[in-house]
Amino acid sequence: MFKTSAKTIRAVVASAAVLTLFGLPAQARPDTRTMTCAQAQDLVKRSGAIVLSTGQYTYSRFVADRRYCGHYEILRPSYAPTRDTAQCPVAYYCERVVRPRN
Protein backbone atom coordinates (compact mmCIF):
# COMPACT_ATOMS: atom_id res chain seq x y z
CA MET A 1 0.00 0.00 0.00
CA PHE A 2 1.18 3.50 -0.85
CA LYS A 3 1.75 6.09 1.82
CA THR A 4 2.02 9.58 0.41
CA SER A 5 2.72 12.63 2.47
CA ALA A 6 0.85 15.88 2.06
CA LYS A 7 4.17 17.53 1.16
CA THR A 8 4.69 15.12 -1.77
CA ILE A 9 1.15 15.69 -3.04
CA ARG A 10 1.62 19.46 -2.88
CA ALA A 11 4.89 19.17 -4.83
CA VAL A 12 3.25 17.07 -7.55
CA VAL A 13 0.31 19.46 -7.86
CA ALA A 14 2.63 22.49 -7.97
CA SER A 15 4.77 20.85 -10.66
CA ALA A 16 1.72 20.04 -12.76
CA ALA A 17 0.49 23.62 -12.43
CA VAL A 18 3.86 25.05 -13.52
CA LEU A 19 4.00 22.73 -16.54
CA THR A 20 0.46 23.64 -17.49
CA LEU A 21 1.05 27.38 -17.21
CA PHE A 22 4.57 27.67 -18.58
CA GLY A 23 5.70 24.40 -20.11
CA LEU A 24 3.19 24.10 -22.92
CA PRO A 25 3.04 26.49 -25.86
CA ALA A 26 -0.22 28.38 -26.32
CA GLN A 27 -2.46 26.98 -29.00
CA ALA A 28 -3.72 29.62 -31.39
CA ARG A 29 -7.30 29.36 -32.64
CA PRO A 30 -7.66 28.68 -36.35
CA ASP A 31 -8.47 31.96 -38.13
CA THR A 32 -11.21 32.05 -40.75
CA ARG A 33 -9.44 34.92 -42.51
CA THR A 34 -6.56 32.62 -43.49
CA MET A 35 -8.86 29.95 -44.99
CA THR A 36 -11.04 29.78 -48.06
CA CYS A 37 -14.77 29.60 -47.47
CA ALA A 38 -14.78 25.88 -48.38
CA GLN A 39 -11.89 25.16 -45.98
CA ALA A 40 -13.67 26.90 -43.08
CA GLN A 41 -16.90 25.00 -43.82
CA ASP A 42 -15.02 21.69 -44.00
CA LEU A 43 -13.19 22.37 -40.71
CA VAL A 44 -16.48 22.94 -38.89
CA LYS A 45 -18.03 19.88 -40.52
CA ARG A 46 -15.08 17.68 -39.44
CA SER A 47 -14.90 19.16 -35.92
CA GLY A 48 -18.61 19.26 -35.13
CA ALA A 49 -18.17 22.31 -32.90
CA ILE A 50 -15.17 24.63 -32.89
CA VAL A 51 -14.14 28.13 -31.84
CA LEU A 52 -12.52 30.09 -34.67
CA SER A 53 -10.94 33.53 -34.77
CA THR A 54 -12.90 35.82 -37.07
CA GLY A 55 -10.86 39.00 -36.63
CA GLN A 56 -7.90 40.38 -34.73
CA TYR A 57 -9.87 40.55 -31.47
CA THR A 58 -12.97 38.49 -32.28
CA TYR A 59 -13.95 34.84 -32.30
CA SER A 60 -17.08 32.74 -32.63
CA ARG A 61 -18.22 29.23 -31.86
CA PHE A 62 -19.42 27.41 -34.96
CA VAL A 63 -21.42 24.17 -34.94
CA ALA A 64 -22.09 21.70 -37.73
CA ASP A 65 -25.59 20.71 -36.64
CA ARG A 66 -28.19 20.64 -33.85
CA ARG A 67 -26.37 17.93 -31.85
CA TYR A 68 -23.93 20.57 -30.60
CA CYS A 69 -26.59 22.88 -29.17
CA GLY A 70 -28.30 22.76 -25.80
CA HIS A 71 -31.87 21.64 -25.19
CA TYR A 72 -33.33 25.17 -25.37
CA GLU A 73 -31.22 26.34 -28.32
CA ILE A 74 -31.90 26.50 -32.04
CA LEU A 75 -29.58 26.74 -35.05
CA ARG A 76 -28.96 30.05 -36.77
CA PRO A 77 -26.70 30.57 -39.81
CA SER A 78 -23.29 31.96 -38.91
CA TYR A 79 -21.10 33.98 -41.26
CA ALA A 80 -17.43 34.95 -41.08
CA PRO A 81 -14.84 36.61 -43.27
CA THR A 82 -12.61 34.17 -45.16
CA ARG A 83 -9.71 34.64 -47.55
CA ASP A 84 -11.99 34.50 -50.61
CA THR A 85 -15.39 35.64 -49.27
CA ALA A 86 -16.31 38.67 -47.17
CA GLN A 87 -19.29 36.89 -45.56
CA CYS A 88 -18.88 33.14 -45.88
CA PRO A 89 -21.76 31.01 -44.53
CA VAL A 90 -19.35 28.96 -42.41
CA ALA A 91 -21.90 26.94 -40.43
CA TYR A 92 -24.31 27.65 -37.58
CA TYR A 93 -24.40 29.03 -34.06
CA CYS A 94 -26.66 28.00 -31.21
CA GLU A 95 -29.18 30.61 -30.10
CA ARG A 96 -31.01 30.23 -26.81
CA VAL A 97 -34.78 30.29 -27.10
CA VAL A 98 -36.50 32.15 -24.29
CA ARG A 99 -39.98 30.78 -23.74
CA PRO A 100 -42.44 33.09 -22.00
CA ARG A 101 -43.83 31.87 -18.69
CA ASN A 102 -47.61 31.56 -18.41
PDB file of N, CA and C in Angstrom:
ATOM      1  N   MET A   1       0.835  -1.177   0.000  1.00  0.00           N
ATOM      2  CA  MET A   1       0.000   0.000   0.000  1.00  0.00           C
ATOM      3  C   MET A   1       0.880   1.240   0.000  1.00  0.00           C
ATOM      4  N   PHE A   2       0.437   2.260  -0.733  1.00  0.00           N
ATOM      5  CA  PHE A   2       1.182   3.499  -0.847  1.00  0.00           C
ATOM      6  C   PHE A   2       0.892   4.407   0.323  1.00  0.00           C
ATOM      7  N   LYS A   3       1.913   5.039   0.832  1.00  0.00           N
ATOM      8  CA  LYS A   3       1.748   6.094   1.820  1.00  0.00           C
ATOM      9  C   LYS A   3       2.372   7.341   1.222  1.00  0.00           C
ATOM     10  N   THR A   4       1.549   8.345   1.014  1.00  0.00           N
ATOM     11  CA  THR A   4       2.017   9.578   0.407  1.00  0.00           C
ATOM     12  C   THR A   4       1.797  10.715   1.374  1.00  0.00           C
ATOM     13  N   SER A   5       2.842  11.507   1.549  1.00  0.00           N
ATOM     14  CA  SER A   5       2.716  12.634   2.469  1.00  0.00           C
ATOM     15  C   SER A   5       2.041  13.809   1.773  1.00  0.00           C
ATOM     16  N   ALA A   6       1.504  14.681   2.579  1.00  0.00           N
ATOM     17  CA  ALA A   6       0.853  15.882   2.059  1.00  0.00           C
ATOM     18  C   ALA A   6       1.874  16.749   1.320  1.00  0.00           C
ATOM     19  N   LYS A   7       3.116  16.744   1.791  1.00  0.00           N
ATOM     20  CA  LYS A   7       4.174  17.525   1.157  1.00  0.00           C
ATOM     21  C   LYS A   7       4.438  17.013  -0.260  1.00  0.00           C
ATOM     22  N   THR A   8       4.464  15.705  -0.451  1.00  0.00           N
ATOM     23  CA  THR A   8       4.685  15.115  -1.773  1.00  0.00           C
ATOM     24  C   THR A   8       3.536  15.457  -2.708  1.00  0.00           C
ATOM     25  N   ILE A   9       2.330  15.362  -2.212  1.00  0.00           N
ATOM     26  CA  ILE A   9       1.151  15.685  -3.035  1.00  0.00           C
ATOM     27  C   ILE A   9       1.190  17.139  -3.469  1.00  0.00           C
ATOM     28  N   ARG A  10       1.529  18.035  -2.529  1.00  0.00           N
ATOM     29  CA  ARG A  10       1.618  19.457  -2.879  1.00  0.00           C
ATOM     30  C   ARG A  10       2.689  19.693  -3.937  1.00  0.00           C
ATOM     31  N   ALA A  11       3.808  19.010  -3.855  1.00  0.00           N
ATOM     32  CA  ALA A  11       4.890  19.169  -4.827  1.00  0.00           C
ATOM     33  C   ALA A  11       4.456  18.691  -6.211  1.00  0.00           C
ATOM     34  N   VAL A  12       3.741  17.590  -6.269  1.00  0.00           N
ATOM     35  CA  VAL A  12       3.253  17.072  -7.553  1.00  0.00           C
ATOM     36  C   VAL A  12       2.239  18.034  -8.163  1.00  0.00           C
ATOM     37  N   VAL A  13       1.324  18.524  -7.361  1.00  0.00           N
ATOM     38  CA  VAL A  13       0.315  19.463  -7.856  1.00  0.00           C
ATOM     39  C   VAL A  13       0.977  20.751  -8.327  1.00  0.00           C
ATOM     40  N   ALA A  14       1.931  21.260  -7.583  1.00  0.00           N
ATOM     41  CA  ALA A  14       2.631  22.491  -7.973  1.00  0.00           C
ATOM     42  C   ALA A  14       3.396  22.282  -9.277  1.00  0.00           C
ATOM     43  N   SER A  15       4.036  21.142  -9.430  1.00  0.00           N
ATOM     44  CA  SER A  15       4.771  20.846 -10.663  1.00  0.00           C
ATOM     45  C   SER A  15       3.830  20.776 -11.852  1.00  0.00           C
ATOM     46  N   ALA A  16       2.697  20.139 -11.670  1.00  0.00           N
ATOM     47  CA  ALA A  16       1.715  20.039 -12.755  1.00  0.00           C
ATOM     48  C   ALA A  16       1.199  21.420 -13.137  1.00  0.00           C
ATOM     49  N   ALA A  17       0.974  22.267 -12.152  1.00  0.00           N
ATOM     50  CA  ALA A  17       0.487  23.618 -12.432  1.00  0.00           C
ATOM     51  C   ALA A  17       1.525  24.424 -13.206  1.00  0.00           C
ATOM     52  N   VAL A  18       2.782  24.323 -12.821  1.00  0.00           N
ATOM     53  CA  VAL A  18       3.855  25.048 -13.519  1.00  0.00           C
ATOM     54  C   VAL A  18       3.968  24.569 -14.962  1.00  0.00           C
ATOM     55  N   LEU A  19       3.925  23.263 -15.171  1.00  0.00           N
ATOM     56  CA  LEU A  19       3.997  22.729 -16.535  1.00  0.00           C
ATOM     57  C   LEU A  19       2.807  23.184 -17.375  1.00  0.00           C
ATOM     58  N   THR A  20       1.651  23.209 -16.768  1.00  0.00           N
ATOM     59  CA  THR A  20       0.460  23.640 -17.493  1.00  0.00           C
ATOM     60  C   THR A  20       0.556  25.109 -17.872  1.00  0.00           C
ATOM     61  N   LEU A  21       1.008  25.941 -16.949  1.00  0.00           N
ATOM     62  CA  LEU A  21       1.054  27.382 -17.212  1.00  0.00           C
ATOM     63  C   LEU A  21       2.223  27.809 -18.089  1.00  0.00           C
ATOM     64  N   PHE A  22       3.375  27.177 -17.905  1.00  0.00           N
ATOM     65  CA  PHE A  22       4.569  27.666 -18.577  1.00  0.00           C
ATOM     66  C   PHE A  22       5.230  26.665 -19.518  1.00  0.00           C
ATOM     67  N   GLY A  23       4.983  25.414 -19.337  1.00  0.00           N
ATOM     68  CA  GLY A  23       5.696  24.402 -20.106  1.00  0.00           C
ATOM     69  C   GLY A  23       5.093  24.095 -21.460  1.00  0.00           C
ATOM     70  N   LEU A  24       3.843  24.426 -21.666  1.00  0.00           N
ATOM     71  CA  LEU A  24       3.194  24.096 -22.921  1.00  0.00           C
ATOM     72  C   LEU A  24       2.976  25.361 -23.744  1.00  0.00           C
ATOM     73  N   PRO A  25       3.275  25.308 -25.041  1.00  0.00           N
ATOM     74  CA  PRO A  25       3.044  26.493 -25.859  1.00  0.00           C
ATOM     75  C   PRO A  25       1.552  26.754 -26.021  1.00  0.00           C
ATOM     76  N   ALA A  26       1.186  28.015 -26.138  1.00  0.00           N
ATOM     77  CA  ALA A  26      -0.216  28.378 -26.322  1.00  0.00           C
ATOM     78  C   ALA A  26      -0.686  27.936 -27.695  1.00  0.00           C
ATOM     79  N   GLN A  27      -1.872  27.396 -27.735  1.00  0.00           N
ATOM     80  CA  GLN A  27      -2.459  26.976 -28.998  1.00  0.00           C
ATOM     81  C   GLN A  27      -3.282  28.122 -29.555  1.00  0.00           C
ATOM     82  N   ALA A  28      -2.955  28.562 -30.756  1.00  0.00           N
ATOM     83  CA  ALA A  28      -3.724  29.625 -31.389  1.00  0.00           C
ATOM     84  C   ALA A  28      -4.976  29.026 -32.013  1.00  0.00           C
ATOM     85  N   ARG A  29      -6.059  29.790 -31.975  1.00  0.00           N
ATOM     86  CA  ARG A  29      -7.297  29.356 -32.638  1.00  0.00           C
ATOM     87  C   ARG A  29      -7.107  29.451 -34.135  1.00  0.00           C
ATOM     88  N   PRO A  30      -7.672  28.522 -34.893  1.00  0.00           N
ATOM     89  CA  PRO A  30      -7.656  28.684 -36.350  1.00  0.00           C
ATOM     90  C   PRO A  30      -8.396  29.975 -36.715  1.00  0.00           C
ATOM     91  N   ASP A  31      -7.923  30.661 -37.729  1.00  0.00           N
ATOM     92  CA  ASP A  31      -8.466  31.955 -38.131  1.00  0.00           C
ATOM     93  C   ASP A  31      -9.174  31.816 -39.473  1.00  0.00           C
ATOM     94  N   THR A  32     -10.446  32.173 -39.517  1.00  0.00           N
ATOM     95  CA  THR A  32     -11.211  32.046 -40.754  1.00  0.00           C
ATOM     96  C   THR A  32     -10.625  32.912 -41.858  1.00  0.00           C
ATOM     97  N   ARG A  33      -9.971  34.002 -41.505  1.00  0.00           N
ATOM     98  CA  ARG A  33      -9.435  34.921 -42.512  1.00  0.00           C
ATOM     99  C   ARG A  33      -8.277  34.331 -43.293  1.00  0.00           C
ATOM    100  N   THR A  34      -7.676  33.255 -42.780  1.00  0.00           N
ATOM    101  CA  THR A  34      -6.560  32.615 -43.491  1.00  0.00           C
ATOM    102  C   THR A  34      -7.023  31.426 -44.331  1.00  0.00           C
ATOM    103  N   MET A  35      -8.311  31.105 -44.273  1.00  0.00           N
ATOM    104  CA  MET A  35      -8.864  29.950 -44.991  1.00  0.00           C
ATOM    105  C   MET A  35      -9.773  30.412 -46.126  1.00  0.00           C
ATOM    106  N   THR A  36      -9.986  29.513 -47.082  1.00  0.00           N
ATOM    107  CA  THR A  36     -11.036  29.776 -48.061  1.00  0.00           C
ATOM    108  C   THR A  36     -12.364  29.449 -47.398  1.00  0.00           C
ATOM    109  N   CYS A  37     -13.439  29.871 -48.016  1.00  0.00           N
ATOM    110  CA  CYS A  37     -14.768  29.598 -47.473  1.00  0.00           C
ATOM    111  C   CYS A  37     -14.983  28.082 -47.358  1.00  0.00           C
ATOM    112  N   ALA A  38     -14.608  27.344 -48.389  1.00  0.00           N
ATOM    113  CA  ALA A  38     -14.780  25.884 -48.384  1.00  0.00           C
ATOM    114  C   ALA A  38     -13.949  25.226 -47.287  1.00  0.00           C
ATOM    115  N   GLN A  39     -12.734  25.724 -47.040  1.00  0.00           N
ATOM    116  CA  GLN A  39     -11.889  25.158 -45.979  1.00  0.00           C
ATOM    117  C   GLN A  39     -12.504  25.398 -44.604  1.00  0.00           C
ATOM    118  N   ALA A  40     -13.038  26.595 -44.366  1.00  0.00           N
ATOM    119  CA  ALA A  40     -13.669  26.898 -43.078  1.00  0.00           C
ATOM    120  C   ALA A  40     -14.896  26.017 -42.872  1.00  0.00           C
ATOM    121  N   GLN A  41     -15.718  25.858 -43.909  1.00  0.00           N
ATOM    122  CA  GLN A  41     -16.903  25.003 -43.818  1.00  0.00           C
ATOM    123  C   GLN A  41     -16.506  23.556 -43.532  1.00  0.00           C
ATOM    124  N   ASP A  42     -15.480  23.073 -44.201  1.00  0.00           N
ATOM    125  CA  ASP A  42     -15.022  21.692 -43.999  1.00  0.00           C
ATOM    126  C   ASP A  42     -14.478  21.492 -42.590  1.00  0.00           C
ATOM    127  N   LEU A  43     -13.742  22.470 -42.069  1.00  0.00           N
ATOM    128  CA  LEU A  43     -13.191  22.366 -40.713  1.00  0.00           C
ATOM    129  C   LEU A  43     -14.304  22.230 -39.680  1.00  0.00           C
ATOM    130  N   VAL A  44     -15.351  23.028 -39.825  1.00  0.00           N
ATOM    131  CA  VAL A  44     -16.481  22.936 -38.887  1.00  0.00           C
ATOM    132  C   VAL A  44     -17.172  21.584 -39.041  1.00  0.00           C
ATOM    133  N   LYS A  45     -17.367  21.159 -40.268  1.00  0.00           N
ATOM    134  CA  LYS A  45     -18.032  19.881 -40.516  1.00  0.00           C
ATOM    135  C   LYS A  45     -17.257  18.720 -39.882  1.00  0.00           C
ATOM    136  N   ARG A  46     -15.922  18.745 -40.017  1.00  0.00           N
ATOM    137  CA  ARG A  46     -15.082  17.684 -39.440  1.00  0.00           C
ATOM    138  C   ARG A  46     -15.017  17.761 -37.918  1.00  0.00           C
ATOM    139  N   SER A  47     -15.040  18.976 -37.367  1.00  0.00           N
ATOM    140  CA  SER A  47     -14.900  19.163 -35.919  1.00  0.00           C
ATOM    141  C   SER A  47     -16.211  19.002 -35.168  1.00  0.00           C
ATOM    142  N   GLY A  48     -17.309  19.303 -35.813  1.00  0.00           N
ATOM    143  CA  GLY A  48     -18.608  19.262 -35.130  1.00  0.00           C
ATOM    144  C   GLY A  48     -18.914  20.578 -34.465  1.00  0.00           C
ATOM    145  N   ALA A  49     -18.060  21.007 -33.569  1.00  0.00           N
ATOM    146  CA  ALA A  49     -18.173  22.307 -32.901  1.00  0.00           C
ATOM    147  C   ALA A  49     -16.755  22.807 -32.673  1.00  0.00           C
ATOM    148  N   ILE A  50     -16.528  24.088 -33.002  1.00  0.00           N
ATOM    149  CA  ILE A  50     -15.172  24.633 -32.892  1.00  0.00           C
ATOM    150  C   ILE A  50     -15.240  26.146 -32.719  1.00  0.00           C
ATOM    151  N   VAL A  51     -14.273  26.686 -31.992  1.00  0.00           N
ATOM    152  CA  VAL A  51     -14.145  28.133 -31.843  1.00  0.00           C
ATOM    153  C   VAL A  51     -13.075  28.593 -32.830  1.00  0.00           C
ATOM    154  N   LEU A  52     -13.435  29.574 -33.662  1.00  0.00           N
ATOM    155  CA  LEU A  52     -12.524  30.095 -34.673  1.00  0.00           C
ATOM    156  C   LEU A  52     -12.362  31.597 -34.497  1.00  0.00           C
ATOM    157  N   SER A  53     -11.156  32.087 -34.723  1.00  0.00           N
ATOM    158  CA  SER A  53     -10.944  33.530 -34.767  1.00  0.00           C
ATOM    159  C   SER A  53     -11.590  34.053 -36.035  1.00  0.00           C
ATOM    160  N   THR A  54     -12.241  35.206 -35.913  1.00  0.00           N
ATOM    161  CA  THR A  54     -12.898  35.818 -37.067  1.00  0.00           C
ATOM    162  C   THR A  54     -12.358  37.220 -37.335  1.00  0.00           C
ATOM    163  N   GLY A  55     -11.468  37.675 -36.501  1.00  0.00           N
ATOM    164  CA  GLY A  55     -10.857  38.995 -36.629  1.00  0.00           C
ATOM    165  C   GLY A  55      -9.713  39.089 -35.644  1.00  0.00           C
ATOM    166  N   GLN A  56      -9.058  40.226 -35.619  1.00  0.00           N
ATOM    167  CA  GLN A  56      -7.903  40.382 -34.732  1.00  0.00           C
ATOM    168  C   GLN A  56      -8.285  40.170 -33.262  1.00  0.00           C
ATOM    169  N   TYR A  57      -9.454  40.656 -32.862  1.00  0.00           N
ATOM    170  CA  TYR A  57      -9.866  40.545 -31.469  1.00  0.00           C
ATOM    171  C   TYR A  57     -11.209  39.829 -31.305  1.00  0.00           C
ATOM    172  N   THR A  58     -11.655  39.132 -32.343  1.00  0.00           N
ATOM    173  CA  THR A  58     -12.971  38.488 -32.278  1.00  0.00           C
ATOM    174  C   THR A  58     -12.881  37.001 -32.577  1.00  0.00           C
ATOM    175  N   TYR A  59     -13.857  36.278 -32.053  1.00  0.00           N
ATOM    176  CA  TYR A  59     -13.948  34.843 -32.302  1.00  0.00           C
ATOM    177  C   TYR A  59     -15.404  34.435 -32.167  1.00  0.00           C
ATOM    178  N   SER A  60     -15.723  33.276 -32.722  1.00  0.00           N
ATOM    179  CA  SER A  60     -17.081  32.744 -32.627  1.00  0.00           C
ATOM    180  C   SER A  60     -17.025  31.229 -32.508  1.00  0.00           C
ATOM    181  N   ARG A  61     -18.060  30.688 -31.911  1.00  0.00           N
ATOM    182  CA  ARG A  61     -18.221  29.230 -31.855  1.00  0.00           C
ATOM    183  C   ARG A  61     -19.130  28.829 -33.008  1.00  0.00           C
ATOM    184  N   PHE A  62     -18.660  27.897 -33.819  1.00  0.00           N
ATOM    185  CA  PHE A  62     -19.416  27.406 -34.958  1.00  0.00           C
ATOM    186  C   PHE A  62     -19.781  25.955 -34.711  1.00  0.00           C
ATOM    187  N   VAL A  63     -20.986  25.560 -35.098  1.00  0.00           N
ATOM    188  CA  VAL A  63     -21.423  24.175 -34.942  1.00  0.00           C
ATOM    189  C   VAL A  63     -21.902  23.637 -36.289  1.00  0.00           C
ATOM    190  N   ALA A  64     -21.711  22.340 -36.477  1.00  0.00           N
ATOM    191  CA  ALA A  64     -22.093  21.702 -37.733  1.00  0.00           C
ATOM    192  C   ALA A  64     -23.587  21.394 -37.791  1.00  0.00           C
ATOM    193  N   ASP A  65     -24.162  21.038 -36.648  1.00  0.00           N
ATOM    194  CA  ASP A  65     -25.588  20.707 -36.640  1.00  0.00           C
ATOM    195  C   ASP A  65     -26.156  20.803 -35.227  1.00  0.00           C
ATOM    196  N   ARG A  66     -27.417  20.484 -35.089  1.00  0.00           N
ATOM    197  CA  ARG A  66     -28.189  20.637 -33.853  1.00  0.00           C
ATOM    198  C   ARG A  66     -27.624  19.842 -32.672  1.00  0.00           C
ATOM    199  N   ARG A  67     -26.917  18.761 -32.943  1.00  0.00           N
ATOM    200  CA  ARG A  67     -26.367  17.932 -31.851  1.00  0.00           C
ATOM    201  C   ARG A  67     -25.462  18.718 -30.920  1.00  0.00           C
ATOM    202  N   TYR A  68     -24.897  19.815 -31.384  1.00  0.00           N
ATOM    203  CA  TYR A  68     -23.930  20.571 -30.604  1.00  0.00           C
ATOM    204  C   TYR A  68     -24.557  21.755 -29.873  1.00  0.00           C
ATOM    205  N   CYS A  69     -25.872  21.811 -29.872  1.00  0.00           N
ATOM    206  CA  CYS A  69     -26.595  22.876 -29.168  1.00  0.00           C
ATOM    207  C   CYS A  69     -27.267  22.296 -27.922  1.00  0.00           C
ATOM    208  N   GLY A  70     -27.593  23.169 -27.006  1.00  0.00           N
ATOM    209  CA  GLY A  70     -28.299  22.764 -25.804  1.00  0.00           C
ATOM    210  C   GLY A  70     -29.769  22.512 -26.080  1.00  0.00           C
ATOM    211  N   HIS A  71     -30.460  22.015 -25.075  1.00  0.00           N
ATOM    212  CA  HIS A  71     -31.871  21.643 -25.193  1.00  0.00           C
ATOM    213  C   HIS A  71     -32.756  22.821 -25.612  1.00  0.00           C
ATOM    214  N   TYR A  72     -32.513  23.995 -25.068  1.00  0.00           N
ATOM    215  CA  TYR A  72     -33.333  25.173 -25.371  1.00  0.00           C
ATOM    216  C   TYR A  72     -32.640  26.106 -26.360  1.00  0.00           C
ATOM    217  N   GLU A  73     -31.907  25.539 -27.309  1.00  0.00           N
ATOM    218  CA  GLU A  73     -31.225  26.338 -28.318  1.00  0.00           C
ATOM    219  C   GLU A  73     -31.642  25.876 -29.711  1.00  0.00           C
ATOM    220  N   ILE A  74     -31.604  26.815 -30.653  1.00  0.00           N
ATOM    221  CA  ILE A  74     -31.903  26.502 -32.042  1.00  0.00           C
ATOM    222  C   ILE A  74     -30.719  26.920 -32.906  1.00  0.00           C
ATOM    223  N   LEU A  75     -30.650  26.391 -34.122  1.00  0.00           N
ATOM    224  CA  LEU A  75     -29.577  26.738 -35.050  1.00  0.00           C
ATOM    225  C   LEU A  75     -29.891  28.031 -35.786  1.00  0.00           C
ATOM    226  N   ARG A  76     -28.877  28.848 -35.942  1.00  0.00           N
ATOM    227  CA  ARG A  76     -28.956  30.054 -36.770  1.00  0.00           C
ATOM    228  C   ARG A  76     -27.725  30.055 -37.677  1.00  0.00           C
ATOM    229  N   PRO A  77     -27.868  30.503 -38.931  1.00  0.00           N
ATOM    230  CA  PRO A  77     -26.702  30.566 -39.809  1.00  0.00           C
ATOM    231  C   PRO A  77     -25.648  31.516 -39.242  1.00  0.00           C
ATOM    232  N   SER A  78     -24.391  31.152 -39.414  1.00  0.00           N
ATOM    233  CA  SER A  78     -23.291  31.962 -38.909  1.00  0.00           C
ATOM    234  C   SER A  78     -22.319  32.264 -40.043  1.00  0.00           C
ATOM    235  N   TYR A  79     -21.965  33.524 -40.181  1.00  0.00           N
ATOM    236  CA  TYR A  79     -21.103  33.984 -41.264  1.00  0.00           C
ATOM    237  C   TYR A  79     -19.797  34.515 -40.695  1.00  0.00           C
ATOM    238  N   ALA A  80     -18.731  34.425 -41.497  1.00  0.00           N
ATOM    239  CA  ALA A  80     -17.434  34.948 -41.075  1.00  0.00           C
ATOM    240  C   ALA A  80     -16.635  35.332 -42.313  1.00  0.00           C
ATOM    241  N   PRO A  81     -15.698  36.266 -42.145  1.00  0.00           N
ATOM    242  CA  PRO A  81     -14.837  36.606 -43.272  1.00  0.00           C
ATOM    243  C   PRO A  81     -13.827  35.485 -43.524  1.00  0.00           C
ATOM    244  N   THR A  82     -13.630  35.152 -44.778  1.00  0.00           N
ATOM    245  CA  THR A  82     -12.607  34.173 -45.161  1.00  0.00           C
ATOM    246  C   THR A  82     -11.713  34.819 -46.213  1.00  0.00           C
ATOM    247  N   ARG A  83     -10.679  34.105 -46.592  1.00  0.00           N
ATOM    248  CA  ARG A  83      -9.713  34.636 -47.550  1.00  0.00           C
ATOM    249  C   ARG A  83     -10.363  35.019 -48.878  1.00  0.00           C
ATOM    250  N   ASP A  84     -11.389  34.265 -49.290  1.00  0.00           N
ATOM    251  CA  ASP A  84     -11.990  34.500 -50.606  1.00  0.00           C
ATOM    252  C   ASP A  84     -13.419  35.052 -50.572  1.00  0.00           C
ATOM    253  N   THR A  85     -14.001  35.175 -49.374  1.00  0.00           N
ATOM    254  CA  THR A  85     -15.391  35.635 -49.266  1.00  0.00           C
ATOM    255  C   THR A  85     -15.536  36.556 -48.058  1.00  0.00           C
ATOM    256  N   ALA A  86     -16.144  37.714 -48.277  1.00  0.00           N
ATOM    257  CA  ALA A  86     -16.311  38.671 -47.172  1.00  0.00           C
ATOM    258  C   ALA A  86     -17.271  38.152 -46.101  1.00  0.00           C
ATOM    259  N   GLN A  87     -18.336  37.455 -46.517  1.00  0.00           N
ATOM    260  CA  GLN A  87     -19.294  36.889 -45.560  1.00  0.00           C
ATOM    261  C   GLN A  87     -19.593  35.455 -45.964  1.00  0.00           C
ATOM    262  N   CYS A  88     -18.728  34.562 -45.575  1.00  0.00           N
ATOM    263  CA  CYS A  88     -18.881  33.140 -45.881  1.00  0.00           C
ATOM    264  C   CYS A  88     -19.888  32.506 -44.919  1.00  0.00           C
ATOM    265  N   PRO A  89     -20.844  31.740 -45.425  1.00  0.00           N
ATOM    266  CA  PRO A  89     -21.761  31.011 -44.535  1.00  0.00           C
ATOM    267  C   PRO A  89     -21.041  29.778 -43.970  1.00  0.00           C
ATOM    268  N   VAL A  90     -20.233  30.004 -42.942  1.00  0.00           N
ATOM    269  CA  VAL A  90     -19.349  28.957 -42.413  1.00  0.00           C
ATOM    270  C   VAL A  90     -20.140  27.772 -41.883  1.00  0.00           C
ATOM    271  N   ALA A  91     -21.115  28.028 -41.037  1.00  0.00           N
ATOM    272  CA  ALA A  91     -21.897  26.944 -40.429  1.00  0.00           C
ATOM    273  C   ALA A  91     -23.054  27.575 -39.673  1.00  0.00           C
ATOM    274  N   TYR A  92     -23.214  27.170 -38.411  1.00  0.00           N
ATOM    275  CA  TYR A  92     -24.312  27.652 -37.576  1.00  0.00           C
ATOM    276  C   TYR A  92     -23.792  28.065 -36.212  1.00  0.00           C
ATOM    277  N   TYR A  93     -24.641  28.791 -35.475  1.00  0.00           N
ATOM    278  CA  TYR A  93     -24.401  29.034 -34.056  1.00  0.00           C
ATOM    279  C   TYR A  93     -25.667  28.651 -33.310  1.00  0.00           C
ATOM    280  N   CYS A  94     -25.523  28.407 -32.037  1.00  0.00           N
ATOM    281  CA  CYS A  94     -26.660  28.001 -31.208  1.00  0.00           C
ATOM    282  C   CYS A  94     -27.229  29.243 -30.529  1.00  0.00           C
ATOM    283  N   GLU A  95     -28.514  29.471 -30.716  1.00  0.00           N
ATOM    284  CA  GLU A  95     -29.181  30.612 -30.101  1.00  0.00           C
ATOM    285  C   GLU A  95     -30.186  30.112 -29.071  1.00  0.00           C
ATOM    286  N   ARG A  96     -30.106  30.647 -27.888  1.00  0.00           N
ATOM    287  CA  ARG A  96     -31.013  30.232 -26.812  1.00  0.00           C
ATOM    288  C   ARG A  96     -32.406  30.769 -27.084  1.00  0.00           C
ATOM    289  N   VAL A  97     -33.393  29.914 -26.931  1.00  0.00           N
ATOM    290  CA  VAL A  97     -34.784  30.293 -27.097  1.00  0.00           C
ATOM    291  C   VAL A  97     -35.358  30.586 -25.725  1.00  0.00           C
ATOM    292  N   VAL A  98     -35.900  31.763 -25.564  1.00  0.00           N
ATOM    293  CA  VAL A  98     -36.504  32.148 -24.290  1.00  0.00           C
ATOM    294  C   VAL A  98     -38.007  31.960 -24.441  1.00  0.00           C
ATOM    295  N   ARG A  99     -38.547  31.058 -23.685  1.00  0.00           N
ATOM    296  CA  ARG A  99     -39.981  30.783 -23.741  1.00  0.00           C
ATOM    297  C   ARG A  99     -40.677  31.580 -22.648  1.00  0.00           C
ATOM    298  N   PRO A 100     -41.735  32.303 -23.019  1.00  0.00           N
ATOM    299  CA  PRO A 100     -42.444  33.095 -22.002  1.00  0.00           C
ATOM    300  C   PRO A 100     -43.135  32.182 -20.985  1.00  0.00           C
ATOM    301  N   ARG A 101     -43.160  32.626 -19.749  1.00  0.00           N
ATOM    302  CA  ARG A 101     -43.826  31.871 -18.690  1.00  0.00           C
ATOM    303  C   ARG A 101     -45.301  32.257 -18.694  1.00  0.00           C
ATOM    304  N   ASN A 102     -46.153  31.298 -18.461  1.00  0.00           N
ATOM    305  CA  ASN A 102     -47.610  31.557 -18.415  1.00  0.00           C
ATOM    306  C   ASN A 102     -48.050  31.958 -17.037  1.00  0.00           C
TER     307      ASN A 102
END
